[in-house]
Amino acid sequence: MDGDWHRLCRQLQHKLSFALTIGDPVKNSKYSAGALFATLFLSASATVFAHGDVVPQAVDTTGLKQLGTDWQVSNPYRGDKTAIRIGDSAFNQNCARCHGLGAVSGGIAPDLRYLPKGDEGDEIYLPRIRNGAVRAGRVYMPPFDGLLSQEAMWAIRAWLETVHEE
């Protein structure tokens, strides 16, 4: 399915580019902005379907209390300045590609600034970051369990609470 979508995007891009190179260049110049927008939109759309193929980056959690193997149900790093600094970096390395810089989504994935604060948000956050999201066989978010440590995941959550909006 993804291959068909990418093929269609390339065909449409080619047709748009070809249409602009023939005929009266002055007459066609008024279409350039629209064609450019359409080409950029189609290029961006193709990458939307590939966003599940993110390679996780290692997160240095030096300075954080080690949490062990039993998963915490509530963020143990809430308000911890070291965790927030680590979480900011970890988010930018592993999450911003889909969720946007500063957690401001560009439409690919949910805007995480609106994730509830406290335990209510933790209950939503933890299963999703650990298990990812798959619907009808399509990966909408890759699972990070086994790729990021519990410490890294909770550090990201600690940082997310600093950018929270109502």
C-alpha atoms as a PDB file:
ATOM      1  CA  MET A   1       0.000   0.000   0.000  1.00  0.00           C
ATOM      2  CA  ASP A   2       2.759   2.477   0.922  1.00  0.00           C
ATOM      3  CA  GLY A   3       4.556   1.725  -2.348  1.00  0.00           C
ATOM      4  CA  ASP A   4       1.384   2.524  -4.316  1.00  0.00           C
ATOM      5  CA  TRP A   5       0.980   5.813  -2.443  1.00  0.00           C
ATOM      6  CA  HIS A   6       4.604   6.823  -3.090  1.00  0.00           C
ATOM      7  CA  ARG A   7       4.268   5.866  -6.775  1.00  0.00           C
ATOM      8  CA  LEU A   8       1.104   7.980  -7.121  1.00  0.00           C
ATOM      9  CA  CYS A   9       2.818  10.958  -5.465  1.00  0.00           C
ATOM     10  CA  ARG A  10       5.797  10.705  -7.821  1.00  0.00           C
ATOM     11  CA  GLN A  11       3.499  10.478 -10.865  1.00  0.00           C
ATOM     12  CA  LEU A  12       1.535  13.556  -9.804  1.00  0.00           C
ATOM     13  CA  GLN A  13       4.718  15.488  -9.075  1.00  0.00           C
ATOM     14  CA  HIS A  14       6.075  14.579 -12.512  1.00  0.00           C
ATOM     15  CA  LYS A  15       2.831  15.649 -14.246  1.00  0.00           C
ATOM     16  CA  LEU A  16       2.785  18.975 -12.375  1.00  0.00           C
ATOM     17  CA  SER A  17       6.416  19.676 -13.244  1.00  0.00           C
ATOM     18  CA  PHE A  18       5.869  18.721 -16.888  1.00  0.00           C
ATOM     19  CA  ALA A  19       2.740  20.890 -17.182  1.00  0.00           C
ATOM     20  CA  LEU A  20       4.679  23.931 -16.014  1.00  0.00           C
ATOM     21  CA  THR A  21       7.487  23.494 -18.537  1.00  0.00           C
ATOM     22  CA  ILE A  22       5.308  23.568 -21.673  1.00  0.00           C
ATOM     23  CA  GLY A  23       3.373  26.413 -23.247  1.00  0.00           C
ATOM     24  CA  ASP A  24       3.641  30.120 -22.467  1.00  0.00           C
ATOM     25  CA  PRO A  25       5.959  30.567 -19.460  1.00  0.00           C
ATOM     26  CA  VAL A  26       4.364  33.916 -18.519  1.00  0.00           C
ATOM     27  CA  LYS A  27       0.880  32.396 -18.563  1.00  0.00           C
ATOM     28  CA  ASN A  28       2.054  29.350 -16.615  1.00  0.00           C
ATOM     29  CA  SER A  29       3.947  31.395 -14.009  1.00  0.00           C
ATOM     30  CA  LYS A  30       0.692  32.211 -12.212  1.00  0.00           C
ATOM     31  CA  TYR A  31       0.291  28.476 -11.638  1.00  0.00           C
ATOM     32  CA  SER A  32       3.806  28.068 -10.248  1.00  0.00           C
ATOM     33  CA  ALA A  33       2.856  28.875  -6.660  1.00  0.00           C
ATOM     34  CA  GLY A  34      -0.051  26.424  -6.755  1.00  0.00           C
ATOM     35  CA  ALA A  35       2.047  23.734  -8.369  1.00  0.00           C
ATOM     36  CA  LEU A  36       4.833  24.301  -5.879  1.00  0.00           C
ATOM     37  CA  PHE A  37       2.374  24.019  -3.000  1.00  0.00           C
ATOM     38  CA  ALA A  38       0.840  20.841  -4.466  1.00  0.00           C
ATOM     39  CA  THR A  39       4.280  19.307  -4.995  1.00  0.00           C
ATOM     40  CA  LEU A  40       5.365  20.129  -1.438  1.00  0.00           C
ATOM     41  CA  PHE A  41       2.076  18.811  -0.063  1.00  0.00           C
ATOM     42  CA  LEU A  42       2.422  15.540  -1.958  1.00  0.00           C
ATOM     43  CA  SER A  43       6.031  15.161  -0.829  1.00  0.00           C
ATOM     44  CA  ALA A  44       5.091  15.792   2.793  1.00  0.00           C
ATOM     45  CA  SER A  45       2.120  13.434   2.545  1.00  0.00           C
ATOM     46  CA  ALA A  46       4.365  10.619   1.420  1.00  0.00           C
ATOM     47  CA  THR A  47       6.542  11.021   4.497  1.00  0.00           C
ATOM     48  CA  VAL A  48       3.533  10.861   6.802  1.00  0.00           C
ATOM     49  CA  PHE A  49       3.144   7.192   6.018  1.00  0.00           C
ATOM     50  CA  ALA A  50       6.795   6.503   6.793  1.00  0.00           C
ATOM     51  CA  HIS A  51       6.889   8.122  10.237  1.00  0.00           C
ATOM     52  CA  GLY A  52       6.612   4.786  12.010  1.00  0.00           C
ATOM     53  CA  ASP A  53      10.117   3.921  10.799  1.00  0.00           C
ATOM     54  CA  VAL A  54      11.911   6.139  13.323  1.00  0.00           C
ATOM     55  CA  VAL A  55      15.212   4.772  14.629  1.00  0.00           C
ATOM     56  CA  PRO A  56      15.280   5.484  18.380  1.00  0.00           C
ATOM     57  CA  GLN A  57      18.238   7.449  19.682  1.00  0.00           C
ATOM     58  CA  ALA A  58      19.997   6.493  22.892  1.00  0.00           C
ATOM     59  CA  VAL A  59      19.128   8.635  25.906  1.00  0.00           C
ATOM     60  CA  ASP A  60      21.777   9.324  28.542  1.00  0.00           C
ATOM     61  CA  THR A  61      19.949   9.179  31.877  1.00  0.00           C
ATOM     62  CA  THR A  62      23.043   9.813  34.005  1.00  0.00           C
ATOM     63  CA  GLY A  63      22.018  11.710  37.122  1.00  0.00           C
ATOM     64  CA  LEU A  64      18.552  10.164  37.402  1.00  0.00           C
ATOM     65  CA  LYS A  65      17.577   7.765  40.163  1.00  0.00           C
ATOM     66  CA  GLN A  66      17.458   4.265  38.662  1.00  0.00           C
ATOM     67  CA  LEU A  67      13.948   2.811  38.736  1.00  0.00           C
ATOM     68  CA  GLY A  68      14.659  -0.902  38.430  1.00  0.00           C
ATOM     69  CA  THR A  69      12.629  -3.414  36.448  1.00  0.00           C
ATOM     70  CA  ASP A  70       9.181  -2.860  37.971  1.00  0.00           C
ATOM     71  CA  TRP A  71       7.350  -0.205  36.004  1.00  0.00           C
ATOM     72  CA  GLN A  72       6.197   2.850  37.918  1.00  0.00           C
ATOM     73  CA  VAL A  73       2.546   3.820  37.370  1.00  0.00           C
ATOM     74  CA  SER A  74       3.114   7.465  38.301  1.00  0.00           C
ATOM     75  CA  ASN A  75       5.963   9.660  37.077  1.00  0.00           C
ATOM     76  CA  PRO A  76       8.698   9.521  39.731  1.00  0.00           C
ATOM     77  CA  TYR A  77      10.544  12.448  38.092  1.00  0.00           C
ATOM     78  CA  ARG A  78       7.688  14.969  38.064  1.00  0.00           C
ATOM     79  CA  GLY A  79       9.252  18.415  38.610  1.00  0.00           C
ATOM     80  CA  ASP A  80      12.840  17.058  38.718  1.00  0.00           C
ATOM     81  CA  LYS A  81      15.100  19.577  36.910  1.00  0.00           C
ATOM     82  CA  THR A  82      17.606  16.939  35.765  1.00  0.00           C
ATOM     83  CA  ALA A  83      14.833  14.719  34.400  1.00  0.00           C
ATOM     84  CA  ILE A  84      13.246  17.687  32.618  1.00  0.00           C
ATOM     85  CA  ARG A  85      16.558  18.572  30.931  1.00  0.00           C
ATOM     86  CA  ILE A  86      17.111  14.949  29.885  1.00  0.00           C
ATOM     87  CA  GLY A  87      13.484  14.620  28.781  1.00  0.00           C
ATOM     88  CA  ASP A  88      13.718  17.734  26.600  1.00  0.00           C
ATOM     89  CA  SER A  89      16.724  16.296  24.761  1.00  0.00           C
ATOM     90  CA  ALA A  90      15.187  12.813  24.543  1.00  0.00           C
ATOM     91  CA  PHE A  91      11.931  14.215  23.131  1.00  0.00           C
ATOM     92  CA  ASN A  92      13.793  16.157  20.449  1.00  0.00           C
ATOM     93  CA  GLN A  93      15.809  13.070  19.491  1.00  0.00           C
ATOM     94  CA  ASN A  94      12.984  10.524  19.509  1.00  0.00           C
ATOM     95  CA  CYS A  95       9.573  12.189  19.397  1.00  0.00           C
ATOM     96  CA  ALA A  96       9.763  15.594  17.692  1.00  0.00           C
ATOM     97  CA  ARG A  97       9.847  14.122  14.191  1.00  0.00           C
ATOM     98  CA  CYS A  98       6.172  13.212  14.552  1.00  0.00           C
ATOM     99  CA  HIS A  99       4.943  15.218  17.551  1.00  0.00           C
ATOM    100  CA  GLY A 100       6.752  18.443  16.579  1.00  0.00           C
ATOM    101  CA  LEU A 101       9.370  20.630  18.206  1.00  0.00           C
ATOM    102  CA  GLY A 102       8.198  21.783  21.608  1.00  0.00           C
ATOM    103  CA  ALA A 103       5.497  19.082  21.342  1.00  0.00           C
ATOM    104  CA  VAL A 104       3.579  21.389  18.966  1.00  0.00           C
ATOM    105  CA  SER A 105       2.218  18.906  16.438  1.00  0.00           C
ATOM    106  CA  GLY A 106       2.087  19.751  12.778  1.00  0.00           C
ATOM    107  CA  GLY A 107      -0.774  17.324  12.246  1.00  0.00           C
ATOM    108  CA  ILE A 108       1.048  14.011  11.907  1.00  0.00           C
ATOM    109  CA  ALA A 109       0.605  12.963  15.525  1.00  0.00           C
ATOM    110  CA  PRO A 110      -1.243  14.298  18.584  1.00  0.00           C
ATOM    111  CA  ASP A 111      -0.195  17.615  20.109  1.00  0.00           C
ATOM    112  CA  LEU A 112       1.229  16.410  23.413  1.00  0.00           C
ATOM    113  CA  ARG A 113       0.937  19.806  25.096  1.00  0.00           C
ATOM    114  CA  TYR A 114      -2.696  18.890  25.734  1.00  0.00           C
ATOM    115  CA  LEU A 115      -1.944  15.594  27.465  1.00  0.00           C
ATOM    116  CA  PRO A 116      -3.391  15.931  30.993  1.00  0.00           C
ATOM    117  CA  LYS A 117      -0.930  16.643  33.793  1.00  0.00           C
ATOM    118  CA  GLY A 118      -0.343  14.337  36.732  1.00  0.00           C
ATOM    119  CA  ASP A 119      -1.473  10.751  37.158  1.00  0.00           C
ATOM    120  CA  GLU A 120      -4.340  11.137  34.668  1.00  0.00           C
ATOM    121  CA  GLY A 121      -1.863  11.925  31.888  1.00  0.00           C
ATOM    122  CA  ASP A 122       0.549   9.233  33.094  1.00  0.00           C
ATOM    123  CA  GLU A 123      -2.189   6.618  32.588  1.00  0.00           C
ATOM    124  CA  ILE A 124      -2.558   7.698  28.958  1.00  0.00           C
ATOM    125  CA  TYR A 125       1.138   8.256  28.255  1.00  0.00           C
ATOM    126  CA  LEU A 126       2.787   5.108  29.588  1.00  0.00           C
ATOM    127  CA  PRO A 127       0.880   2.417  27.632  1.00  0.00           C
ATOM    128  CA  ARG A 128       1.174   4.444  24.413  1.00  0.00           C
ATOM    129  CA  ILE A 129       4.921   5.083  24.596  1.00  0.00           C
ATOM    130  CA  ARG A 130       5.619   1.508  25.657  1.00  0.00           C
ATOM    131  CA  ASN A 131       3.292  -0.278  23.208  1.00  0.00           C
ATOM    132  CA  GLY A 132       2.896   2.242  20.386  1.00  0.00           C
ATOM    133  CA  ALA A 133      -0.234   2.519  18.281  1.00  0.00           C
ATOM    134  CA  VAL A 134      -1.254   0.149  15.500  1.00  0.00           C
ATOM    135  CA  ARG A 135      -4.598   0.300  13.727  1.00  0.00           C
ATOM    136  CA  ALA A 136      -5.644  -2.006  10.909  1.00  0.00           C
ATOM    137  CA  GLY A 137      -2.061  -3.196  10.586  1.00  0.00           C
ATOM    138  CA  ARG A 138      -0.626   0.323  10.162  1.00  0.00           C
ATOM    139  CA  VAL A 139       1.929   1.623  12.649  1.00  0.00           C
ATOM    140  CA  TYR A 140       0.888   5.097  13.769  1.00  0.00           C
ATOM    141  CA  MET A 141       3.437   5.176  16.578  1.00  0.00           C
ATOM    142  CA  PRO A 142       6.244   2.678  17.097  1.00  0.00           C
ATOM    143  CA  PRO A 143       6.551   0.952  20.484  1.00  0.00           C
ATOM    144  CA  PHE A 144       9.503   2.184  22.547  1.00  0.00           C
ATOM    145  CA  ASP A 145       9.435  -0.580  25.188  1.00  0.00           C
ATOM    146  CA  GLY A 146      12.833  -2.270  25.075  1.00  0.00           C
ATOM    147  CA  LEU A 147      14.288   0.626  23.057  1.00  0.00           C
ATOM    148  CA  LEU A 148      14.101   3.417  25.622  1.00  0.00           C
ATOM    149  CA  SER A 149      14.586   2.817  29.318  1.00  0.00           C
ATOM    150  CA  GLN A 150      11.879   3.449  31.871  1.00  0.00           C
ATOM    151  CA  GLU A 151      14.017   6.345  33.105  1.00  0.00           C
ATOM    152  CA  ALA A 152      14.129   7.898  29.615  1.00  0.00           C
ATOM    153  CA  MET A 153      10.366   7.503  29.113  1.00  0.00           C
ATOM    154  CA  TRP A 154       9.539   9.131  32.457  1.00  0.00           C
ATOM    155  CA  ALA A 155      12.068  11.924  31.801  1.00  0.00           C
ATOM    156  CA  ILE A 156      10.249  12.695  28.546  1.00  0.00           C
ATOM    157  CA  ARG A 157       6.969  12.750  30.459  1.00  0.00           C
ATOM    158  CA  ALA A 158       8.484  15.114  33.069  1.00  0.00           C
ATOM    159  CA  TRP A 159       9.475  17.494  30.274  1.00  0.00           C
ATOM    160  CA  LEU A 160       6.057  17.231  28.588  1.00  0.00           C
ATOM    161  CA  GLU A 161       4.428  18.540  31.742  1.00  0.00           C
ATOM    162  CA  THR A 162       6.556  21.706  31.463  1.00  0.00           C
ATOM    163  CA  VAL A 163       5.025  22.542  28.058  1.00  0.00           C
ATOM    164  CA  HIS A 164       1.464  21.606  29.043  1.00  0.00           C
ATOM    165  CA  GLU A 165      -1.379  23.829  27.839  1.00  0.00           C
ATOM    166  CA  GLU A 166      -5.048  23.758  28.788  1.00  0.00           C
END
